[in-house]
C-alpha cells in the first residue's frame, strides 16, 4: 500500500498512482518536445514556427479542457493559473 502522500493527488484527479505516473510522463515528454522545438526555433527562426504553440494548446486540452476530476475532491488552488495558459 502506498502512503497517502503518493495517492492523495492522483485520487483527486480520478487516477491511480501508476495511471498518474504514466499521464505525468506523457506531459513531460510533450513539454520536452515543445522546449526542443522552441530552442531550435530560436536558432533557426524559419523552423518550428508553430510547434511550441501547438504543444501548449495540446497540453491545455489534456489538462484543463478535458479534465475528469473526482467530484468529491476539493478544487485545486492552481486551477485558475492553468486556465490562463
Protein backbone atom coordinates (compact mmCIF):
# COMPACT_ATOMS: atom_id res chain seq x y z
CA UNK A 1 0.00 0.00 0.00
CA UNK A 2 1.35 3.40 -0.96
CA UNK A 3 1.40 6.15 1.67
CA UNK A 4 -1.34 8.77 1.36
CA UNK A 5 1.15 11.40 0.16
CA UNK A 6 1.57 9.34 -3.02
CA UNK A 7 -2.13 8.71 -3.63
CA UNK A 8 -3.99 11.83 -2.47
CA UNK A 9 -3.42 13.92 -5.62
CA UNK A 10 -3.89 11.06 -8.13
CA UNK A 11 -7.17 10.20 -6.35
CA UNK A 12 -8.28 13.83 -6.68
CA UNK A 13 -7.98 13.62 -10.47
CA UNK A 14 -9.56 10.16 -10.71
CA UNK A 15 -6.36 8.19 -11.33
CA UNK A 16 -4.35 5.54 -9.57
CA UNK A 17 -0.74 6.25 -8.65
CA UNK A 18 0.55 4.36 -11.71
CA UNK A 19 -2.01 5.89 -14.09
CA UNK A 20 -0.96 9.32 -12.84
CA UNK A 21 2.72 8.47 -13.28
CA UNK A 22 2.10 7.48 -16.92
CA UNK A 23 -0.01 10.59 -17.54
CA UNK A 24 2.57 12.91 -15.98
CA UNK A 25 5.33 11.24 -18.00
CA UNK A 26 3.35 11.91 -21.17
CA UNK A 27 3.05 15.58 -20.20
CA UNK A 28 6.79 15.71 -19.53
CA UNK A 29 7.58 14.22 -22.94
CA UNK A 30 5.26 16.69 -24.67
CA UNK A 31 6.84 19.61 -22.82
CA UNK A 32 10.34 18.38 -23.64
CA UNK A 33 9.44 18.16 -27.34
CA UNK A 34 7.95 21.67 -27.19
CA UNK A 35 11.05 23.01 -25.42
CA UNK A 36 13.32 21.46 -28.04
CA UNK A 37 11.20 22.94 -30.84
CA UNK A 38 11.31 26.39 -29.19
CA UNK A 39 15.07 26.19 -28.74
CA UNK A 40 15.59 25.18 -32.36
CA UNK A 41 13.19 27.90 -33.49
CA UNK A 42 15.38 30.41 -31.64
CA UNK A 43 18.40 29.22 -33.63
CA UNK A 44 16.54 28.81 -36.92
CA UNK A 45 13.59 31.28 -36.98
CA UNK A 46 12.22 29.71 -40.15
CA UNK A 47 11.84 26.29 -38.47
CA UNK A 48 9.26 25.08 -35.92
CA UNK A 49 7.25 28.31 -36.12
CA UNK A 50 4.12 26.81 -34.56
CA UNK A 51 5.39 23.67 -32.83
CA UNK A 52 5.70 25.21 -29.36
CA UNK A 53 2.25 26.80 -29.57
CA UNK A 54 0.69 23.53 -30.70
CA UNK A 55 2.22 21.73 -27.70
CA UNK A 56 0.79 24.35 -25.33
CA UNK A 57 -2.69 24.01 -26.85
CA UNK A 58 -2.44 20.21 -26.69
CA UNK A 59 -1.41 20.25 -23.03
CA UNK A 60 -4.16 22.72 -22.17
CA UNK A 61 -6.74 20.47 -23.82
CA UNK A 62 -5.45 17.42 -21.97
CA UNK A 63 -5.04 19.08 -18.59
CA UNK A 64 -7.78 21.69 -18.30
CA UNK A 65 -10.44 21.46 -21.00
CA UNK A 66 -10.89 17.67 -20.85
CA UNK A 67 -10.25 17.20 -17.13
CA UNK A 68 -12.14 14.37 -15.45
CA UNK A 69 -11.78 15.22 -11.78
CA UNK A 70 -13.06 13.20 -8.89
CA UNK A 71 -16.28 15.07 -7.99
CA UNK A 72 -15.67 14.62 -4.26
CA UNK A 73 -12.20 16.18 -4.49
CA UNK A 74 -11.52 19.75 -3.47
CA UNK A 75 -10.75 22.19 -6.32
CA UNK A 76 -7.09 22.87 -6.91
CA UNK A 77 -5.83 26.28 -5.77
CA UNK A 78 -3.83 26.39 -9.02
CA UNK A 79 -6.79 25.80 -11.35
CA UNK A 80 -7.01 29.50 -12.25
CA UNK A 81 -3.30 29.54 -13.10
CA UNK A 82 -3.62 26.61 -15.51
CA UNK A 83 -6.65 28.17 -17.18
CA UNK A 84 -4.55 31.20 -18.12
CA UNK A 85 -2.39 29.17 -20.48
